[in-house]
């Protein structure tokens, strides 16, 4: 067992967040999985399932390492919002979120050397102001929405849209640092001197 940490995500946001608590993964390997929701799958279940499937896919090849995976699902009620790939998709998401409260569900999964699985779900409530057409156009023109769940990045220009947040800000960015730090500590990783 090497005690190395592999981050099963190509998200630069998750790497940046881990660096904020002094953790630099030894390797970053994106898990190539189907992220489509299953029939009538609830947002919380999707976040948990995808985090676990990503971790399992990488741990199957790197069984002697710690494997950390996460997934972020933005939801309005039971409706799962996509990771926006087109401007129209991002606009539809933002129009839906405008003036409403939505939830960001963050699934986190850590598989230890030897195969023990530790999993958490973090939910953050976010309330957006009512967005004007001018604000929508300005935000969409910047392109920050590309590939973002729900069509926005809270750590960027969209933060000005947020009237209120209840819960973990880092969860909305892509990884709850409180829960992740707890998982790594409880698994004994934080005691191995692997922090930067």
N, C-alpha and C. Protein backbone atom coordinates (compact mmCIF):
# COMPACT_ATOMS: atom_id res chain seq x y z
N UNK A 1 0.84 -1.19 0.00
CA UNK A 1 0.00 0.00 0.00
C UNK A 1 0.87 1.24 0.00
N UNK A 2 0.63 2.10 -0.98
CA UNK A 2 1.50 3.26 -1.16
C UNK A 2 1.07 4.46 -0.32
N UNK A 3 -0.22 4.52 -0.01
CA UNK A 3 -0.72 5.69 0.71
C UNK A 3 -0.80 6.93 -0.14
N UNK A 4 -0.68 6.75 -1.46
CA UNK A 4 -0.83 7.90 -2.36
C UNK A 4 -2.30 8.29 -2.46
N UNK A 5 -2.54 9.53 -2.83
CA UNK A 5 -3.91 9.99 -3.05
C UNK A 5 -4.12 10.24 -4.53
N UNK A 6 -5.15 9.58 -5.07
CA UNK A 6 -5.54 9.81 -6.46
C UNK A 6 -6.88 10.53 -6.46
N UNK A 7 -6.93 11.64 -7.17
CA UNK A 7 -8.18 12.38 -7.33
C UNK A 7 -8.82 11.90 -8.62
N UNK A 8 -9.99 11.29 -8.50
CA UNK A 8 -10.69 10.74 -9.67
C UNK A 8 -11.56 11.82 -10.30
N UNK A 9 -10.91 12.90 -10.73
CA UNK A 9 -11.63 14.03 -11.31
C UNK A 9 -10.65 14.90 -12.07
N UNK A 10 -11.07 15.36 -13.25
CA UNK A 10 -10.23 16.27 -14.02
C UNK A 10 -10.59 17.72 -13.72
N UNK A 11 -11.47 17.96 -12.76
CA UNK A 11 -11.93 19.31 -12.46
C UNK A 11 -10.82 20.14 -11.80
N UNK A 12 -10.38 21.22 -12.45
CA UNK A 12 -9.37 22.07 -11.82
C UNK A 12 -9.89 22.72 -10.54
N UNK A 13 -11.20 22.89 -10.45
CA UNK A 13 -11.78 23.50 -9.24
C UNK A 13 -11.56 22.60 -8.03
N UNK A 14 -11.71 21.29 -8.21
CA UNK A 14 -11.50 20.37 -7.07
C UNK A 14 -10.04 20.33 -6.67
N UNK A 15 -9.15 20.38 -7.63
CA UNK A 15 -7.71 20.43 -7.32
C UNK A 15 -7.38 21.69 -6.54
N UNK A 16 -7.93 22.83 -6.98
CA UNK A 16 -7.69 24.11 -6.30
C UNK A 16 -8.25 24.09 -4.88
N UNK A 17 -9.43 23.51 -4.71
CA UNK A 17 -10.03 23.44 -3.38
C UNK A 17 -9.18 22.59 -2.43
N UNK A 18 -8.73 21.44 -2.90
CA UNK A 18 -7.88 20.59 -2.06
C UNK A 18 -6.59 21.33 -1.67
N UNK A 19 -6.03 22.09 -2.59
CA UNK A 19 -4.79 22.84 -2.30
C UNK A 19 -5.02 23.84 -1.18
N UNK A 20 -6.24 24.34 -1.06
CA UNK A 20 -6.55 25.32 -0.01
C UNK A 20 -6.43 24.71 1.38
N UNK A 21 -6.59 23.38 1.48
CA UNK A 21 -6.41 22.73 2.79
C UNK A 21 -5.10 21.93 2.82
N UNK A 22 -4.20 22.27 1.91
CA UNK A 22 -2.86 21.71 1.94
C UNK A 22 -2.73 20.31 1.37
N UNK A 23 -3.67 19.91 0.52
CA UNK A 23 -3.61 18.55 -0.04
C UNK A 23 -3.37 18.64 -1.55
N UNK A 24 -2.29 18.02 -1.99
CA UNK A 24 -1.97 17.94 -3.41
C UNK A 24 -2.03 16.47 -3.81
N UNK A 25 -2.99 16.09 -4.65
CA UNK A 25 -3.07 14.67 -5.05
C UNK A 25 -1.79 14.23 -5.75
N UNK A 26 -1.42 12.96 -5.53
CA UNK A 26 -0.26 12.40 -6.21
C UNK A 26 -0.55 12.17 -7.68
N UNK A 27 -1.80 11.87 -7.98
CA UNK A 27 -2.22 11.66 -9.37
C UNK A 27 -3.63 12.18 -9.54
N UNK A 28 -3.93 12.63 -10.75
CA UNK A 28 -5.29 13.04 -11.12
C UNK A 28 -5.68 12.19 -12.32
N UNK A 29 -6.73 11.40 -12.14
CA UNK A 29 -7.19 10.52 -13.22
C UNK A 29 -8.71 10.66 -13.33
N UNK A 30 -9.17 11.18 -14.43
CA UNK A 30 -10.61 11.32 -14.61
C UNK A 30 -11.23 9.95 -14.91
N UNK A 31 -12.32 9.66 -14.24
CA UNK A 31 -13.04 8.40 -14.48
C UNK A 31 -13.96 8.59 -15.67
N UNK A 32 -13.85 7.71 -16.63
CA UNK A 32 -14.66 7.78 -17.84
C UNK A 32 -15.93 6.95 -17.63
N UNK A 33 -16.97 7.63 -17.14
CA UNK A 33 -18.23 6.91 -16.86
C UNK A 33 -19.40 7.65 -17.49
N UNK A 34 -20.52 6.95 -17.61
CA UNK A 34 -21.75 7.56 -18.08
C UNK A 34 -22.40 8.31 -16.90
N UNK A 35 -22.56 9.63 -17.05
CA UNK A 35 -23.09 10.43 -15.95
C UNK A 35 -24.59 10.74 -16.09
N UNK A 36 -25.24 10.09 -17.04
CA UNK A 36 -26.68 10.33 -17.23
C UNK A 36 -27.47 9.80 -16.04
N UNK A 37 -28.50 10.54 -15.60
CA UNK A 37 -29.35 10.03 -14.52
C UNK A 37 -30.10 8.77 -14.97
N UNK A 38 -30.33 7.88 -14.03
CA UNK A 38 -31.15 6.71 -14.31
C UNK A 38 -32.62 7.12 -14.25
N UNK A 39 -33.48 6.27 -14.76
CA UNK A 39 -34.91 6.57 -14.82
C UNK A 39 -35.45 6.93 -13.43
N UNK A 40 -36.03 8.11 -13.31
CA UNK A 40 -36.63 8.63 -12.07
C UNK A 40 -35.65 8.72 -10.90
N UNK A 41 -34.36 8.80 -11.19
CA UNK A 41 -33.36 8.92 -10.14
C UNK A 41 -33.43 10.30 -9.51
N UNK A 42 -33.44 10.35 -8.19
CA UNK A 42 -33.49 11.62 -7.47
C UNK A 42 -32.12 12.30 -7.50
N UNK A 43 -32.07 13.63 -7.43
CA UNK A 43 -30.79 14.35 -7.47
C UNK A 43 -29.78 13.87 -6.43
N UNK A 44 -30.24 13.64 -5.18
CA UNK A 44 -29.31 13.20 -4.13
C UNK A 44 -28.74 11.81 -4.45
N UNK A 45 -29.57 10.95 -4.99
CA UNK A 45 -29.12 9.60 -5.32
C UNK A 45 -28.12 9.63 -6.48
N UNK A 46 -28.35 10.53 -7.45
CA UNK A 46 -27.44 10.66 -8.57
C UNK A 46 -26.06 11.14 -8.10
N UNK A 47 -26.03 12.14 -7.23
CA UNK A 47 -24.75 12.66 -6.73
C UNK A 47 -23.97 11.57 -5.99
N UNK A 48 -24.65 10.82 -5.14
CA UNK A 48 -23.98 9.75 -4.39
C UNK A 48 -23.49 8.64 -5.32
N UNK A 49 -24.36 8.24 -6.25
CA UNK A 49 -24.01 7.12 -7.14
C UNK A 49 -22.82 7.48 -8.02
N UNK A 50 -22.84 8.68 -8.62
CA UNK A 50 -21.75 9.04 -9.53
C UNK A 50 -20.42 9.17 -8.80
N UNK A 51 -20.44 9.73 -7.59
CA UNK A 51 -19.19 9.82 -6.82
C UNK A 51 -18.63 8.42 -6.56
N UNK A 52 -19.50 7.50 -6.18
CA UNK A 52 -19.03 6.14 -5.88
C UNK A 52 -18.54 5.40 -7.12
N UNK A 53 -19.29 5.54 -8.22
CA UNK A 53 -18.91 4.84 -9.46
C UNK A 53 -17.56 5.37 -9.97
N UNK A 54 -17.36 6.68 -9.87
CA UNK A 54 -16.07 7.26 -10.28
C UNK A 54 -14.93 6.70 -9.43
N UNK A 55 -15.14 6.69 -8.11
CA UNK A 55 -14.10 6.19 -7.21
C UNK A 55 -13.82 4.71 -7.47
N UNK A 56 -14.87 3.92 -7.66
CA UNK A 56 -14.69 2.48 -7.90
C UNK A 56 -13.95 2.21 -9.21
N UNK A 57 -14.23 3.02 -10.23
CA UNK A 57 -13.58 2.82 -11.53
C UNK A 57 -12.07 3.00 -11.42
N UNK A 58 -11.64 3.99 -10.65
CA UNK A 58 -10.19 4.24 -10.51
C UNK A 58 -9.58 3.28 -9.48
N UNK A 59 -10.29 3.00 -8.40
CA UNK A 59 -9.77 2.10 -7.37
C UNK A 59 -9.57 0.68 -7.90
N UNK A 60 -10.34 0.31 -8.91
CA UNK A 60 -10.20 -1.03 -9.49
C UNK A 60 -8.81 -1.22 -10.09
N UNK A 61 -8.18 -0.13 -10.52
CA UNK A 61 -6.86 -0.20 -11.13
C UNK A 61 -5.77 0.22 -10.15
N UNK A 62 -6.15 0.97 -9.11
CA UNK A 62 -5.18 1.50 -8.14
C UNK A 62 -5.61 1.10 -6.72
N UNK A 63 -5.66 -0.20 -6.46
CA UNK A 63 -6.22 -0.69 -5.20
C UNK A 63 -5.36 -0.39 -3.98
N UNK A 64 -4.09 -0.03 -4.18
CA UNK A 64 -3.22 0.26 -3.04
C UNK A 64 -3.20 1.72 -2.65
N UNK A 65 -4.03 2.52 -3.29
CA UNK A 65 -4.03 3.97 -3.06
C UNK A 65 -5.35 4.43 -2.44
N UNK A 66 -5.32 5.64 -1.90
CA UNK A 66 -6.55 6.33 -1.54
C UNK A 66 -7.11 6.92 -2.83
N UNK A 67 -8.39 6.71 -3.09
CA UNK A 67 -9.02 7.28 -4.28
C UNK A 67 -10.18 8.16 -3.83
N UNK A 68 -10.11 9.43 -4.21
CA UNK A 68 -11.14 10.40 -3.85
C UNK A 68 -11.90 10.82 -5.09
N UNK A 69 -13.22 10.73 -5.03
CA UNK A 69 -14.06 11.15 -6.16
C UNK A 69 -15.22 11.98 -5.64
N UNK A 70 -15.75 12.82 -6.52
CA UNK A 70 -16.88 13.67 -6.14
C UNK A 70 -17.75 13.93 -7.36
N UNK A 71 -18.98 14.28 -7.09
CA UNK A 71 -19.88 14.72 -8.17
C UNK A 71 -20.82 15.78 -7.62
N UNK A 72 -21.12 16.74 -8.46
CA UNK A 72 -21.98 17.86 -8.07
C UNK A 72 -23.24 17.85 -8.93
N UNK A 73 -24.39 17.87 -8.26
CA UNK A 73 -25.67 17.89 -8.97
C UNK A 73 -26.46 19.11 -8.51
N UNK A 74 -26.85 19.94 -9.47
CA UNK A 74 -27.68 21.11 -9.19
C UNK A 74 -29.13 20.74 -9.49
N UNK A 75 -30.01 21.02 -8.54
CA UNK A 75 -31.41 20.60 -8.70
C UNK A 75 -32.38 21.68 -8.27
N UNK A 76 -33.45 21.79 -9.05
CA UNK A 76 -34.61 22.62 -8.69
C UNK A 76 -35.72 21.63 -8.37
N UNK A 77 -36.00 21.45 -7.09
CA UNK A 77 -36.94 20.40 -6.71
C UNK A 77 -36.34 19.06 -7.08
N UNK A 78 -37.11 18.25 -7.84
CA UNK A 78 -36.60 16.94 -8.28
C UNK A 78 -35.94 17.03 -9.65
N UNK A 79 -35.97 18.22 -10.23
CA UNK A 79 -35.41 18.40 -11.58
C UNK A 79 -33.90 18.56 -11.51
N UNK A 80 -33.19 17.71 -12.24
CA UNK A 80 -31.73 17.75 -12.30
C UNK A 80 -31.32 18.65 -13.46
N UNK A 81 -30.53 19.67 -13.16
CA UNK A 81 -30.06 20.57 -14.20
C UNK A 81 -28.79 20.02 -14.83
N UNK A 82 -28.63 20.24 -16.13
CA UNK A 82 -27.46 19.67 -16.82
C UNK A 82 -26.18 20.48 -16.58
N UNK A 83 -25.06 19.88 -16.96
CA UNK A 83 -23.82 20.64 -17.07
C UNK A 83 -23.91 21.33 -18.42
N UNK A 84 -24.05 22.64 -18.39
CA UNK A 84 -24.37 23.39 -19.61
C UNK A 84 -23.28 23.24 -20.67
N UNK A 85 -23.71 22.83 -21.86
CA UNK A 85 -22.77 22.68 -22.97
C UNK A 85 -23.02 23.67 -24.08
N UNK A 86 -24.21 24.29 -24.07
CA UNK A 86 -24.51 25.32 -25.07
C UNK A 86 -25.02 26.56 -24.33
N UNK A 87 -24.94 27.68 -25.01
CA UNK A 87 -25.42 28.93 -24.40
C UNK A 87 -26.91 28.85 -24.11
N UNK A 88 -27.65 28.21 -25.01
CA UNK A 88 -29.10 28.09 -24.78
C UNK A 88 -29.40 27.22 -23.57
N UNK A 89 -28.61 26.17 -23.39
CA UNK A 89 -28.78 25.30 -22.22
C UNK A 89 -28.49 26.09 -20.94
N UNK A 90 -27.43 26.89 -20.96
CA UNK A 90 -27.08 27.72 -19.80
C UNK A 90 -28.17 28.74 -19.52
N UNK A 91 -28.71 29.35 -20.57
CA UNK A 91 -29.79 30.34 -20.41
C UNK A 91 -31.01 29.68 -19.78
N UNK A 92 -31.37 28.51 -20.25
CA UNK A 92 -32.54 27.81 -19.69
C UNK A 92 -32.35 27.54 -18.20
N UNK A 93 -31.14 27.12 -17.82
CA UNK A 93 -30.85 26.87 -16.40
C UNK A 93 -30.99 28.16 -15.60
N UNK A 94 -30.37 29.22 -16.06
CA UNK A 94 -30.38 30.49 -15.32
C UNK A 94 -31.78 31.08 -15.23
N UNK A 95 -32.57 30.94 -16.29
CA UNK A 95 -33.95 31.43 -16.25
C UNK A 95 -34.76 30.65 -15.22
N UNK A 96 -34.48 29.35 -15.11
CA UNK A 96 -35.17 28.52 -14.11
C UNK A 96 -34.75 28.91 -12.69
N UNK A 97 -33.46 29.21 -12.49
CA UNK A 97 -32.94 29.53 -11.17
C UNK A 97 -33.26 30.96 -10.74
N UNK A 98 -33.54 31.83 -11.67
CA UNK A 98 -33.79 33.24 -11.39
C UNK A 98 -34.90 33.43 -10.36
N UNK A 99 -34.56 34.11 -9.25
CA UNK A 99 -35.55 34.40 -8.21
C UNK A 99 -35.98 33.21 -7.39
N UNK A 100 -35.29 32.09 -7.52
CA UNK A 100 -35.70 30.86 -6.83
C UNK A 100 -34.57 30.28 -5.99
N UNK A 101 -34.97 29.41 -5.08
CA UNK A 101 -34.01 28.64 -4.29
C UNK A 101 -33.79 27.31 -4.99
N UNK A 102 -32.52 26.92 -5.08
CA UNK A 102 -32.21 25.59 -5.61
C UNK A 102 -31.22 24.92 -4.66
N UNK A 103 -30.97 23.66 -4.93
CA UNK A 103 -30.06 22.91 -4.07
C UNK A 103 -28.91 22.35 -4.89
N UNK A 104 -27.74 22.35 -4.26
CA UNK A 104 -26.55 21.76 -4.87
C UNK A 104 -26.16 20.57 -4.00
N UNK A 105 -26.23 19.39 -4.59
CA UNK A 105 -25.91 18.15 -3.88
C UNK A 105 -24.50 17.71 -4.29
N UNK A 106 -23.65 17.53 -3.30
CA UNK A 106 -22.28 17.09 -3.56
C UNK A 106 -22.05 15.71 -3.00
N UNK A 107 -21.84 14.75 -3.88
CA UNK A 107 -21.49 13.40 -3.44
C UNK A 107 -19.98 13.30 -3.34
N UNK A 108 -19.49 12.71 -2.26
CA UNK A 108 -18.05 12.52 -2.06
C UNK A 108 -17.83 11.05 -1.70
N UNK A 109 -16.84 10.43 -2.33
CA UNK A 109 -16.53 9.04 -2.03
C UNK A 109 -15.02 8.87 -1.92
N UNK A 110 -14.59 8.26 -0.83
CA UNK A 110 -13.18 7.94 -0.62
C UNK A 110 -13.05 6.42 -0.47
N UNK A 111 -12.22 5.82 -1.31
CA UNK A 111 -11.93 4.40 -1.17
C UNK A 111 -10.49 4.28 -0.68
N UNK A 112 -10.34 3.59 0.44
CA UNK A 112 -9.03 3.45 1.07
C UNK A 112 -8.25 2.30 0.44
N UNK A 113 -6.91 2.28 0.64
CA UNK A 113 -6.15 1.10 0.26
C UNK A 113 -6.76 -0.11 0.99
N UNK A 114 -7.03 -1.15 0.28
CA UNK A 114 -7.69 -2.30 0.91
C UNK A 114 -9.17 -2.34 0.62
N UNK A 115 -9.73 -1.24 0.10
CA UNK A 115 -11.10 -1.28 -0.39
C UNK A 115 -12.20 -0.71 0.48
N UNK A 116 -11.90 -0.26 1.70
CA UNK A 116 -12.97 0.32 2.53
C UNK A 116 -13.50 1.58 1.87
N UNK A 117 -14.84 1.69 1.82
CA UNK A 117 -15.50 2.83 1.17
C UNK A 117 -16.08 3.75 2.23
N UNK A 118 -15.76 5.04 2.10
CA UNK A 118 -16.35 6.07 2.96
C UNK A 118 -17.07 7.05 2.03
N UNK A 119 -18.32 7.38 2.38
CA UNK A 119 -19.10 8.23 1.49
C UNK A 119 -19.88 9.27 2.27
N UNK A 120 -20.03 10.44 1.68
CA UNK A 120 -20.80 11.53 2.28
C UNK A 120 -21.63 12.22 1.19
N UNK A 121 -22.71 12.85 1.64
CA UNK A 121 -23.51 13.71 0.77
C UNK A 121 -23.66 15.04 1.47
N UNK A 122 -23.38 16.11 0.75
CA UNK A 122 -23.49 17.46 1.28
C UNK A 122 -24.50 18.22 0.43
N UNK A 123 -25.45 18.89 1.07
CA UNK A 123 -26.45 19.67 0.33
C UNK A 123 -26.38 21.12 0.78
N UNK A 124 -26.31 22.00 -0.21
CA UNK A 124 -26.27 23.44 0.03
C UNK A 124 -27.46 24.08 -0.67
N UNK A 125 -28.18 24.95 0.03
CA UNK A 125 -29.28 25.69 -0.58
C UNK A 125 -28.77 27.04 -1.06
N UNK A 126 -29.13 27.40 -2.27
CA UNK A 126 -28.69 28.66 -2.87
C UNK A 126 -29.92 29.41 -3.37
N UNK A 127 -30.02 30.68 -3.00
CA UNK A 127 -31.14 31.52 -3.45
C UNK A 127 -30.60 32.58 -4.40
N UNK A 128 -31.11 32.58 -5.63
CA UNK A 128 -30.72 33.57 -6.64
C UNK A 128 -31.66 34.76 -6.60
N UNK A 129 -31.15 35.93 -6.89
CA UNK A 129 -31.98 37.10 -7.13
C UNK A 129 -32.71 36.91 -8.46
N UNK A 130 -33.67 37.77 -8.74
CA UNK A 130 -34.32 37.76 -10.05
C UNK A 130 -33.33 38.37 -11.05
N UNK A 131 -33.05 37.64 -12.10
CA UNK A 131 -32.07 38.08 -13.09
C UNK A 131 -32.73 38.85 -14.22
N UNK A 132 -32.17 40.00 -14.54
CA UNK A 132 -32.69 40.79 -15.67
C UNK A 132 -32.14 40.22 -16.97
N UNK A 133 -32.76 40.59 -18.07
CA UNK A 133 -32.28 40.14 -19.38
C UNK A 133 -30.85 40.63 -19.62
N UNK A 134 -30.57 41.84 -19.17
CA UNK A 134 -29.22 42.41 -19.33
C UNK A 134 -28.19 41.59 -18.55
N UNK A 135 -28.55 41.19 -17.34
CA UNK A 135 -27.64 40.37 -16.52
C UNK A 135 -27.42 39.00 -17.16
N UNK A 136 -28.50 38.42 -17.67
CA UNK A 136 -28.38 37.12 -18.33
C UNK A 136 -27.45 37.20 -19.54
N UNK A 137 -27.68 38.19 -20.39
CA UNK A 137 -26.86 38.34 -21.60
C UNK A 137 -25.40 38.57 -21.24
N UNK A 138 -25.16 39.41 -20.26
CA UNK A 138 -23.79 39.71 -19.85
C UNK A 138 -23.07 38.49 -19.32
N UNK A 139 -23.77 37.70 -18.51
CA UNK A 139 -23.16 36.51 -17.95
C UNK A 139 -22.89 35.46 -19.03
N UNK A 140 -23.86 35.25 -19.89
CA UNK A 140 -23.72 34.25 -20.94
C UNK A 140 -22.59 34.61 -21.90
N UNK A 141 -22.44 35.91 -22.19
CA UNK A 141 -21.39 36.36 -23.12
C UNK A 141 -20.00 36.05 -22.59
N UNK A 142 -19.84 35.96 -21.27
CA UNK A 142 -18.53 35.70 -20.67
C UNK A 142 -18.06 34.26 -20.81
N UNK A 143 -18.99 33.33 -21.07
CA UNK A 143 -18.62 31.93 -21.28
C UNK A 143 -18.28 31.14 -20.03
N UNK A 144 -18.41 31.78 -18.86
CA UNK A 144 -18.05 31.12 -17.61
C UNK A 144 -18.93 29.89 -17.31
N UNK A 145 -20.10 29.85 -17.92
CA UNK A 145 -21.09 28.79 -17.69
C UNK A 145 -20.70 27.46 -18.31
N UNK A 146 -19.74 27.44 -19.22
CA UNK A 146 -19.44 26.24 -20.00
C UNK A 146 -19.02 25.07 -19.11
N UNK A 147 -19.76 23.98 -19.25
CA UNK A 147 -19.44 22.76 -18.50
C UNK A 147 -19.82 22.80 -17.03
N UNK A 148 -20.52 23.85 -16.60
CA UNK A 148 -20.87 24.00 -15.19
C UNK A 148 -22.27 23.46 -14.93
N UNK A 149 -22.41 22.68 -13.87
CA UNK A 149 -23.72 22.19 -13.47
C UNK A 149 -24.63 23.36 -13.15
N UNK A 150 -25.81 23.38 -13.75
CA UNK A 150 -26.73 24.48 -13.53
C UNK A 150 -26.42 25.73 -14.34
N UNK A 151 -25.34 25.70 -15.12
CA UNK A 151 -25.02 26.83 -16.00
C UNK A 151 -24.36 28.02 -15.32
N UNK A 152 -23.79 27.81 -14.12
CA UNK A 152 -23.11 28.94 -13.47
C UNK A 152 -21.96 28.47 -12.59
N UNK A 153 -21.06 29.40 -12.31
CA UNK A 153 -19.92 29.14 -11.42
C UNK A 153 -20.00 30.14 -10.28
N UNK A 154 -20.28 29.65 -9.06
CA UNK A 154 -20.45 30.56 -7.92
C UNK A 154 -19.15 31.27 -7.56
N UNK A 155 -18.01 30.67 -7.92
CA UNK A 155 -16.72 31.27 -7.59
C UNK A 155 -16.31 32.34 -8.60
N UNK A 156 -17.20 32.63 -9.54
CA UNK A 156 -16.91 33.63 -10.55
C UNK A 156 -17.94 34.75 -10.52
N UNK A 157 -18.27 35.25 -11.70
CA UNK A 157 -19.17 36.40 -11.81
C UNK A 157 -20.59 36.11 -11.30
N UNK A 158 -20.97 34.85 -11.30
CA UNK A 158 -22.33 34.50 -10.85
C UNK A 158 -22.52 34.69 -9.36
N UNK A 159 -21.45 34.89 -8.62
CA UNK A 159 -21.61 35.08 -7.17
C UNK A 159 -22.47 36.31 -6.87
N UNK A 160 -22.47 37.28 -7.78
CA UNK A 160 -23.28 38.49 -7.58
C UNK A 160 -24.78 38.19 -7.69
N UNK A 161 -25.15 37.02 -8.22
CA UNK A 161 -26.56 36.63 -8.33
C UNK A 161 -27.08 36.01 -7.04
N UNK A 162 -26.19 35.64 -6.13
CA UNK A 162 -26.56 34.85 -4.96
C UNK A 162 -27.02 35.76 -3.81
N UNK A 163 -28.31 35.70 -3.51
CA UNK A 163 -28.86 36.47 -2.39
C UNK A 163 -28.55 35.82 -1.06
N UNK A 164 -28.56 34.48 -1.06
CA UNK A 164 -28.36 33.77 0.20
C UNK A 164 -27.84 32.37 -0.09
N UNK A 165 -26.99 31.90 0.81
CA UNK A 165 -26.50 30.53 0.70
C UNK A 165 -26.58 29.89 2.09
N UNK A 166 -27.12 28.69 2.14
CA UNK A 166 -27.23 27.97 3.41
C UNK A 166 -26.47 26.67 3.26
N UNK A 167 -25.32 26.58 3.92
CA UNK A 167 -24.50 25.38 3.82
C UNK A 167 -23.11 25.70 3.30
N UNK A 168 -22.48 24.72 2.72
CA UNK A 168 -21.09 24.79 2.30
C UNK A 168 -20.92 25.50 0.96
N UNK A 169 -20.15 26.60 0.97
CA UNK A 169 -19.83 27.31 -0.27
C UNK A 169 -18.94 26.44 -1.15
N UNK A 170 -17.94 25.77 -0.54
CA UNK A 170 -17.02 24.95 -1.34
C UNK A 170 -17.75 23.78 -2.00
N UNK A 171 -18.84 23.33 -1.41
CA UNK A 171 -19.66 22.28 -2.03
C UNK A 171 -20.23 22.76 -3.36
N UNK A 172 -20.66 24.03 -3.40
CA UNK A 172 -21.23 24.58 -4.63
C UNK A 172 -20.15 24.70 -5.70
N UNK A 173 -18.92 25.01 -5.27
CA UNK A 173 -17.80 25.10 -6.21
C UNK A 173 -17.46 23.71 -6.77
N UNK A 174 -17.60 22.66 -5.94
CA UNK A 174 -17.33 21.33 -6.46
C UNK A 174 -16.87 20.29 -5.45
N UNK A 175 -16.55 20.73 -4.19
CA UNK A 175 -16.09 19.76 -3.20
C UNK A 175 -16.15 20.38 -1.81
N UNK A 176 -16.98 19.82 -0.93
CA UNK A 176 -17.07 20.35 0.43
C UNK A 176 -15.77 20.04 1.17
N UNK A 177 -15.04 21.08 1.55
CA UNK A 177 -13.75 20.89 2.21
C UNK A 177 -13.93 20.34 3.62
N UNK A 178 -14.98 20.74 4.31
CA UNK A 178 -15.24 20.23 5.66
C UNK A 178 -15.41 18.72 5.64
N UNK A 179 -16.29 18.24 4.77
CA UNK A 179 -16.56 16.80 4.69
C UNK A 179 -15.36 16.03 4.15
N UNK A 180 -14.70 16.58 3.16
CA UNK A 180 -13.54 15.90 2.57
C UNK A 180 -12.41 15.78 3.57
N UNK A 181 -12.14 16.87 4.28
CA UNK A 181 -11.11 16.82 5.32
C UNK A 181 -11.42 15.79 6.38
N UNK A 182 -12.70 15.71 6.75
CA UNK A 182 -13.13 14.72 7.74
C UNK A 182 -12.95 13.30 7.25
N UNK A 183 -13.32 13.05 5.99
CA UNK A 183 -13.16 11.71 5.42
C UNK A 183 -11.69 11.29 5.40
N UNK A 184 -10.83 12.20 4.95
CA UNK A 184 -9.40 11.88 4.85
C UNK A 184 -8.77 11.67 6.23
N UNK A 185 -9.19 12.48 7.20
CA UNK A 185 -8.68 12.34 8.57
C UNK A 185 -9.12 11.01 9.17
N UNK A 186 -10.40 10.69 9.03
CA UNK A 186 -10.94 9.45 9.60
C UNK A 186 -10.33 8.21 8.94
N UNK A 187 -9.91 8.37 7.68
CA UNK A 187 -9.29 7.24 6.97
C UNK A 187 -7.81 7.12 7.29
N UNK A 188 -7.26 8.08 8.06
CA UNK A 188 -5.85 8.04 8.42
C UNK A 188 -4.92 8.68 7.42
N UNK A 189 -5.48 9.22 6.32
CA UNK A 189 -4.63 9.82 5.28
C UNK A 189 -3.93 11.08 5.78
N UNK A 190 -4.64 11.92 6.54
CA UNK A 190 -4.07 13.19 6.98
C UNK A 190 -2.91 12.98 7.94
N UNK A 191 -2.79 11.78 8.50
CA UNK A 191 -1.71 11.50 9.44
C UNK A 191 -0.48 10.90 8.77
N UNK A 192 -0.55 10.72 7.45
CA UNK A 192 0.56 10.05 6.76
C UNK A 192 1.63 11.01 6.28
N UNK A 193 1.43 12.31 6.54
CA UNK A 193 2.42 13.29 6.11
C UNK A 193 2.38 13.55 4.61
N UNK A 194 1.24 13.22 3.97
CA UNK A 194 1.15 13.38 2.52
C UNK A 194 0.67 14.77 2.12
N UNK A 195 0.36 15.60 3.08
CA UNK A 195 -0.07 16.96 2.74
C UNK A 195 1.11 17.74 2.19
N UNK A 196 0.80 18.81 1.45
CA UNK A 196 1.88 19.62 0.85
C UNK A 196 2.57 20.44 1.89
